[in-house]
């Protein structure tokens, strides 16, 4: 079966995926990195209790994972992002790191908080 026959036999279900792959190829890497970072930042903020319903959304274990991922991404990509983008992401990261510390009933030692492996101590 040829590729075109195979794709036709799958129906229209594959068309959006192929279109998305073509669309993402046109998006600059900095835009993709910023988008991912903003999603991680937003999710971390919610898990740190910074949303409308903090008592039901606070989940520090999940927040730590998200902040660690965000800190690694921001630290690794900062040289490529340029000062304006990197500064905004670092500021957001620092905010959720501080929110994490504030929400934590047992504070981590300096340098061992969420994301601090990559950013250094946050206070």
N, C-alpha and C. Protein backbone atom coordinates (compact mmCIF):
# COMPACT_ATOMS: atom_id res chain seq x y z
N UNK A 1 0.85 -1.17 0.00
CA UNK A 1 0.00 0.00 0.00
C UNK A 1 0.90 1.23 0.00
N UNK A 2 0.61 2.18 -0.88
CA UNK A 2 1.42 3.40 -0.94
C UNK A 2 1.08 4.30 0.23
N UNK A 3 1.94 5.30 0.47
CA UNK A 3 1.68 6.25 1.57
C UNK A 3 0.37 6.97 1.39
N UNK A 4 0.08 7.37 0.15
CA UNK A 4 -1.17 8.11 -0.07
C UNK A 4 -2.37 7.21 0.15
N UNK A 5 -2.27 5.94 -0.24
CA UNK A 5 -3.38 5.02 0.01
C UNK A 5 -3.51 4.77 1.51
N UNK A 6 -2.38 4.62 2.21
CA UNK A 6 -2.41 4.39 3.65
C UNK A 6 -3.05 5.57 4.36
N UNK A 7 -2.65 6.79 4.01
CA UNK A 7 -3.22 7.98 4.64
C UNK A 7 -4.70 8.11 4.32
N UNK A 8 -5.08 7.76 3.10
CA UNK A 8 -6.49 7.82 2.74
C UNK A 8 -7.29 6.81 3.55
N UNK A 9 -6.71 5.62 3.77
CA UNK A 9 -7.44 4.60 4.52
C UNK A 9 -7.60 4.98 5.98
N UNK A 10 -6.74 5.86 6.48
CA UNK A 10 -6.89 6.32 7.86
C UNK A 10 -7.96 7.39 7.99
N UNK A 11 -8.41 7.89 6.87
CA UNK A 11 -9.46 8.91 6.92
C UNK A 11 -8.91 10.27 7.26
N UNK A 12 -9.78 11.16 7.63
CA UNK A 12 -9.42 12.54 7.91
C UNK A 12 -8.71 12.70 9.25
N UNK A 13 -8.65 11.65 10.07
CA UNK A 13 -8.09 11.75 11.41
C UNK A 13 -6.62 12.17 11.39
N UNK A 14 -5.87 11.82 10.36
CA UNK A 14 -4.44 12.15 10.33
C UNK A 14 -4.18 13.54 9.79
N UNK A 15 -5.10 14.11 9.09
CA UNK A 15 -4.88 15.42 8.47
C UNK A 15 -4.50 16.50 9.48
N UNK A 16 -5.19 16.64 10.61
CA UNK A 16 -4.78 17.67 11.57
C UNK A 16 -3.35 17.46 12.09
N UNK A 17 -2.96 16.21 12.31
CA UNK A 17 -1.61 15.95 12.80
C UNK A 17 -0.57 16.37 11.78
N UNK A 18 -0.80 16.06 10.51
CA UNK A 18 0.14 16.46 9.47
C UNK A 18 0.19 17.97 9.35
N UNK A 19 -0.96 18.62 9.44
CA UNK A 19 -1.01 20.08 9.38
C UNK A 19 -0.29 20.70 10.56
N UNK A 20 -0.45 20.13 11.75
CA UNK A 20 0.20 20.64 12.94
C UNK A 20 1.71 20.51 12.82
N UNK A 21 2.18 19.40 12.25
CA UNK A 21 3.62 19.21 12.07
C UNK A 21 4.17 20.24 11.11
N UNK A 22 3.44 20.54 10.06
CA UNK A 22 3.89 21.57 9.12
C UNK A 22 3.86 22.94 9.78
N UNK A 23 2.82 23.22 10.57
CA UNK A 23 2.70 24.51 11.23
C UNK A 23 3.82 24.72 12.25
N UNK A 24 4.14 23.73 13.03
CA UNK A 24 5.17 23.86 14.06
C UNK A 24 6.54 24.08 13.43
N UNK A 25 6.74 23.57 12.24
CA UNK A 25 8.01 23.76 11.55
C UNK A 25 8.26 25.24 11.23
N UNK A 26 7.20 26.01 11.15
CA UNK A 26 7.32 27.43 10.82
C UNK A 26 7.48 28.32 12.05
N UNK A 27 7.32 27.75 13.24
CA UNK A 27 7.38 28.53 14.48
C UNK A 27 8.83 28.61 14.95
N UNK A 28 9.33 29.83 15.21
CA UNK A 28 10.70 29.96 15.70
C UNK A 28 10.88 29.26 17.05
N UNK A 29 12.06 28.72 17.28
CA UNK A 29 12.36 27.98 18.51
C UNK A 29 12.09 28.83 19.75
N UNK A 30 12.43 30.11 19.71
CA UNK A 30 12.23 30.98 20.87
C UNK A 30 10.75 31.05 21.24
N UNK A 31 9.89 31.06 20.24
CA UNK A 31 8.45 31.09 20.50
C UNK A 31 7.99 29.79 21.16
N UNK A 32 8.49 28.66 20.69
CA UNK A 32 8.13 27.36 21.27
C UNK A 32 8.60 27.30 22.72
N UNK A 33 9.85 27.71 22.97
CA UNK A 33 10.40 27.69 24.32
C UNK A 33 9.59 28.59 25.25
N UNK A 34 9.27 29.79 24.79
CA UNK A 34 8.46 30.71 25.61
C UNK A 34 7.09 30.14 25.91
N UNK A 35 6.46 29.51 24.92
CA UNK A 35 5.14 28.93 25.12
C UNK A 35 5.17 27.82 26.16
N UNK A 36 6.15 26.94 26.03
CA UNK A 36 6.29 25.84 27.00
C UNK A 36 6.56 26.40 28.39
N UNK A 37 7.45 27.39 28.47
CA UNK A 37 7.79 27.98 29.77
C UNK A 37 6.57 28.63 30.41
N UNK A 38 5.76 29.31 29.64
CA UNK A 38 4.56 29.96 30.18
C UNK A 38 3.57 28.91 30.69
N UNK A 39 3.44 27.80 29.97
CA UNK A 39 2.56 26.72 30.44
C UNK A 39 3.07 26.13 31.76
N UNK A 40 4.37 25.89 31.85
CA UNK A 40 4.95 25.38 33.09
C UNK A 40 4.77 26.38 34.23
N UNK A 41 5.01 27.64 33.93
CA UNK A 41 4.87 28.71 34.93
C UNK A 41 3.43 28.80 35.43
N UNK A 42 2.49 28.77 34.53
CA UNK A 42 1.07 28.85 34.91
C UNK A 42 0.65 27.65 35.76
N UNK A 43 1.05 26.47 35.34
CA UNK A 43 0.69 25.26 36.09
C UNK A 43 1.34 25.28 37.47
N UNK A 44 2.60 25.72 37.55
CA UNK A 44 3.28 25.79 38.85
C UNK A 44 2.60 26.79 39.77
N UNK A 45 2.18 27.92 39.22
CA UNK A 45 1.50 28.93 40.03
C UNK A 45 0.21 28.37 40.63
N UNK A 46 -0.54 27.64 39.82
CA UNK A 46 -1.79 27.04 40.32
C UNK A 46 -1.47 26.03 41.42
N UNK A 47 -0.47 25.17 41.20
CA UNK A 47 -0.13 24.14 42.18
C UNK A 47 0.47 24.73 43.45
N UNK A 48 0.99 25.97 43.37
CA UNK A 48 1.51 26.66 44.57
C UNK A 48 0.41 27.38 45.32
N UNK A 49 -0.81 27.29 44.81
CA UNK A 49 -1.95 27.91 45.48
C UNK A 49 -2.20 29.35 45.09
N UNK A 50 -1.68 29.78 43.94
CA UNK A 50 -1.86 31.16 43.52
C UNK A 50 -3.06 31.34 42.58
N UNK A 51 -4.02 30.44 42.65
CA UNK A 51 -5.20 30.51 41.79
C UNK A 51 -6.42 30.91 42.62
N UNK A 52 -7.59 30.87 41.99
CA UNK A 52 -8.84 31.29 42.63
C UNK A 52 -9.23 30.42 43.82
N UNK A 53 -8.85 29.17 43.78
CA UNK A 53 -9.27 28.22 44.82
C UNK A 53 -8.04 27.52 45.40
N UNK A 54 -7.19 28.25 46.12
CA UNK A 54 -5.90 27.69 46.54
C UNK A 54 -5.99 26.43 47.40
N UNK A 55 -7.02 26.33 48.24
CA UNK A 55 -7.11 25.16 49.12
C UNK A 55 -7.30 23.86 48.34
N UNK A 56 -8.01 23.94 47.23
CA UNK A 56 -8.26 22.73 46.43
C UNK A 56 -7.21 22.52 45.34
N UNK A 57 -6.38 23.52 45.08
CA UNK A 57 -5.40 23.40 44.00
C UNK A 57 -3.97 23.27 44.51
N UNK A 58 -3.73 23.53 45.76
CA UNK A 58 -2.38 23.45 46.32
C UNK A 58 -1.88 22.01 46.28
N UNK A 59 -0.77 21.81 45.60
CA UNK A 59 -0.15 20.49 45.51
C UNK A 59 1.34 20.72 45.34
N UNK A 60 2.06 20.77 46.46
CA UNK A 60 3.47 21.14 46.43
C UNK A 60 4.35 20.10 45.77
N UNK A 61 3.97 18.83 45.82
CA UNK A 61 4.75 17.80 45.12
C UNK A 61 4.71 18.06 43.62
N UNK A 62 3.53 18.32 43.10
CA UNK A 62 3.38 18.63 41.67
C UNK A 62 4.06 19.96 41.34
N UNK A 63 3.91 20.94 42.22
CA UNK A 63 4.53 22.25 42.00
C UNK A 63 6.05 22.12 41.89
N UNK A 64 6.65 21.32 42.76
CA UNK A 64 8.11 21.14 42.73
C UNK A 64 8.56 20.58 41.38
N UNK A 65 7.83 19.60 40.88
CA UNK A 65 8.18 19.00 39.58
C UNK A 65 8.11 20.04 38.47
N UNK A 66 7.04 20.82 38.46
CA UNK A 66 6.87 21.84 37.43
C UNK A 66 7.94 22.93 37.53
N UNK A 67 8.24 23.35 38.75
CA UNK A 67 9.26 24.40 38.95
C UNK A 67 10.64 23.87 38.56
N UNK A 68 10.94 22.63 38.90
CA UNK A 68 12.21 22.04 38.49
C UNK A 68 12.34 22.03 36.96
N UNK A 69 11.28 21.62 36.28
CA UNK A 69 11.29 21.58 34.81
C UNK A 69 11.45 23.00 34.24
N UNK A 70 10.72 23.94 34.81
CA UNK A 70 10.81 25.33 34.35
C UNK A 70 12.21 25.89 34.58
N UNK A 71 12.78 25.65 35.75
CA UNK A 71 14.12 26.16 36.06
C UNK A 71 15.16 25.58 35.10
N UNK A 72 15.06 24.30 34.80
CA UNK A 72 15.99 23.68 33.85
C UNK A 72 15.85 24.27 32.47
N UNK A 73 14.61 24.45 32.02
CA UNK A 73 14.36 25.01 30.70
C UNK A 73 14.87 26.45 30.61
N UNK A 74 14.54 27.26 31.59
CA UNK A 74 14.94 28.67 31.57
C UNK A 74 16.46 28.79 31.63
N UNK A 75 17.08 28.03 32.51
CA UNK A 75 18.54 28.09 32.65
C UNK A 75 19.24 27.64 31.37
N UNK A 76 18.79 26.55 30.80
CA UNK A 76 19.43 26.01 29.60
C UNK A 76 19.20 26.89 28.37
N UNK A 77 18.04 27.50 28.27
CA UNK A 77 17.71 28.24 27.05
C UNK A 77 17.99 29.74 27.14
N UNK A 78 18.30 30.26 28.33
CA UNK A 78 18.51 31.70 28.51
C UNK A 78 19.51 32.30 27.51
N UNK A 79 20.64 31.66 27.26
CA UNK A 79 21.58 32.27 26.31
C UNK A 79 21.00 32.44 24.91
N UNK A 80 20.07 31.59 24.53
CA UNK A 80 19.47 31.67 23.20
C UNK A 80 18.26 32.58 23.14
N UNK A 81 17.65 32.87 24.29
CA UNK A 81 16.41 33.64 24.32
C UNK A 81 16.62 35.14 24.18
N UNK A 82 17.76 35.61 24.59
CA UNK A 82 17.97 37.06 24.61
C UNK A 82 17.52 37.60 25.96
N UNK A 83 18.05 38.75 26.29
CA UNK A 83 17.85 39.31 27.62
C UNK A 83 16.38 39.57 27.96
N UNK A 84 15.63 40.15 27.04
CA UNK A 84 14.23 40.50 27.32
C UNK A 84 13.39 39.27 27.67
N UNK A 85 13.47 38.25 26.85
CA UNK A 85 12.68 37.03 27.09
C UNK A 85 13.18 36.29 28.33
N UNK A 86 14.49 36.16 28.45
CA UNK A 86 15.06 35.42 29.59
C UNK A 86 14.74 36.12 30.90
N UNK A 87 14.81 37.44 30.93
CA UNK A 87 14.54 38.18 32.17
C UNK A 87 13.09 37.97 32.62
N UNK A 88 12.16 38.03 31.69
CA UNK A 88 10.75 37.83 32.04
C UNK A 88 10.51 36.42 32.59
N UNK A 89 11.13 35.44 31.97
CA UNK A 89 10.96 34.06 32.44
C UNK A 89 11.63 33.85 33.80
N UNK A 90 12.80 34.45 33.98
CA UNK A 90 13.48 34.34 35.28
C UNK A 90 12.65 34.99 36.38
N UNK A 91 12.04 36.13 36.09
CA UNK A 91 11.19 36.81 37.07
C UNK A 91 10.00 35.94 37.45
N UNK A 92 9.35 35.34 36.45
CA UNK A 92 8.22 34.45 36.73
C UNK A 92 8.65 33.23 37.52
N UNK A 93 9.79 32.67 37.15
CA UNK A 93 10.33 31.51 37.86
C UNK A 93 10.59 31.86 39.32
N UNK A 94 11.23 32.98 39.54
CA UNK A 94 11.54 33.41 40.92
C UNK A 94 10.24 33.59 41.72
N UNK A 95 9.22 34.13 41.09
CA UNK A 95 7.93 34.32 41.78
C UNK A 95 7.32 33.01 42.23
N UNK A 96 7.34 31.99 41.37
CA UNK A 96 6.75 30.72 41.79
C UNK A 96 7.66 30.00 42.79
N UNK A 97 8.96 30.21 42.69
CA UNK A 97 9.86 29.63 43.69
C UNK A 97 9.58 30.23 45.06
N UNK A 98 9.37 31.53 45.11
CA UNK A 98 9.05 32.18 46.38
C UNK A 98 7.68 31.75 46.89
N UNK A 99 6.71 31.62 45.99
CA UNK A 99 5.38 31.15 46.38
C UNK A 99 5.46 29.73 46.93
N UNK A 100 6.29 28.91 46.32
CA UNK A 100 6.49 27.55 46.80
C UNK A 100 7.04 27.56 48.22
N UNK A 101 8.07 28.38 48.45
CA UNK A 101 8.67 28.48 49.79
C UNK A 101 7.63 28.94 50.81
N UNK A 102 6.82 29.92 50.43
CA UNK A 102 5.81 30.46 51.33
C UNK A 102 4.73 29.44 51.66
N UNK A 103 4.35 28.62 50.68
CA UNK A 103 3.29 27.64 50.87
C UNK A 103 3.78 26.38 51.58
N UNK A 104 5.08 26.18 51.60
CA UNK A 104 5.66 24.96 52.17
C UNK A 104 5.60 24.98 53.70
N UNK A 105 4.98 23.98 54.31
CA UNK A 105 4.92 23.95 55.78
C UNK A 105 6.29 23.67 56.40
N UNK A 106 7.14 22.95 55.68
CA UNK A 106 8.50 22.66 56.14
C UNK A 106 9.46 23.21 55.08
N UNK A 107 10.07 24.35 55.36
CA UNK A 107 10.91 24.97 54.33
C UNK A 107 12.15 24.14 53.98
N UNK A 108 12.49 24.17 52.70
CA UNK A 108 13.73 23.52 52.25
C UNK A 108 14.91 24.39 52.66
N UNK A 109 16.05 23.76 52.85
CA UNK A 109 17.28 24.51 53.12
C UNK A 109 17.61 25.37 51.90
N UNK A 110 18.24 26.51 52.10
CA UNK A 110 18.63 27.35 50.96
C UNK A 110 19.44 26.55 49.94
N UNK A 111 19.06 26.68 48.69
CA UNK A 111 19.73 25.94 47.62
C UNK A 111 19.11 24.60 47.32
N UNK A 112 18.14 24.17 48.14
CA UNK A 112 17.50 22.86 47.95
C UNK A 112 16.00 22.99 47.68
N UNK A 113 15.53 24.20 47.49
CA UNK A 113 14.11 24.42 47.18
C UNK A 113 13.81 24.06 45.74
N UNK A 114 12.57 24.22 45.38
CA UNK A 114 12.12 23.90 44.02
C UNK A 114 12.91 24.70 42.99
N UNK A 115 13.57 24.00 42.08
CA UNK A 115 14.32 24.63 41.00
C UNK A 115 15.66 25.21 41.38
N UNK A 116 15.99 25.22 42.65
CA UNK A 116 17.21 25.89 43.11
C UNK A 116 18.49 25.16 42.70
N UNK A 117 18.35 23.92 42.28
CA UNK A 117 19.51 23.19 41.75
C UNK A 117 20.05 23.93 40.52
N UNK A 118 19.13 24.57 39.75
CA UNK A 118 19.52 25.25 38.54
C UNK A 118 19.67 26.76 38.71
N UNK A 119 18.98 27.33 39.69
CA UNK A 119 18.99 28.79 39.83
C UNK A 119 19.83 29.29 40.99
N UNK A 120 20.16 28.40 41.91
CA UNK A 120 20.79 28.83 43.14
C UNK A 120 19.72 29.22 44.14
N UNK A 121 20.11 29.52 45.36
CA UNK A 121 19.13 29.85 46.42
C UNK A 121 18.26 31.06 46.06
N UNK A 122 17.00 30.96 46.41
CA UNK A 122 16.05 32.04 46.20
C UNK A 122 15.53 32.47 47.56
N UNK A 123 15.58 33.76 47.81
CA UNK A 123 15.03 34.25 49.09
C UNK A 123 14.30 35.56 48.89
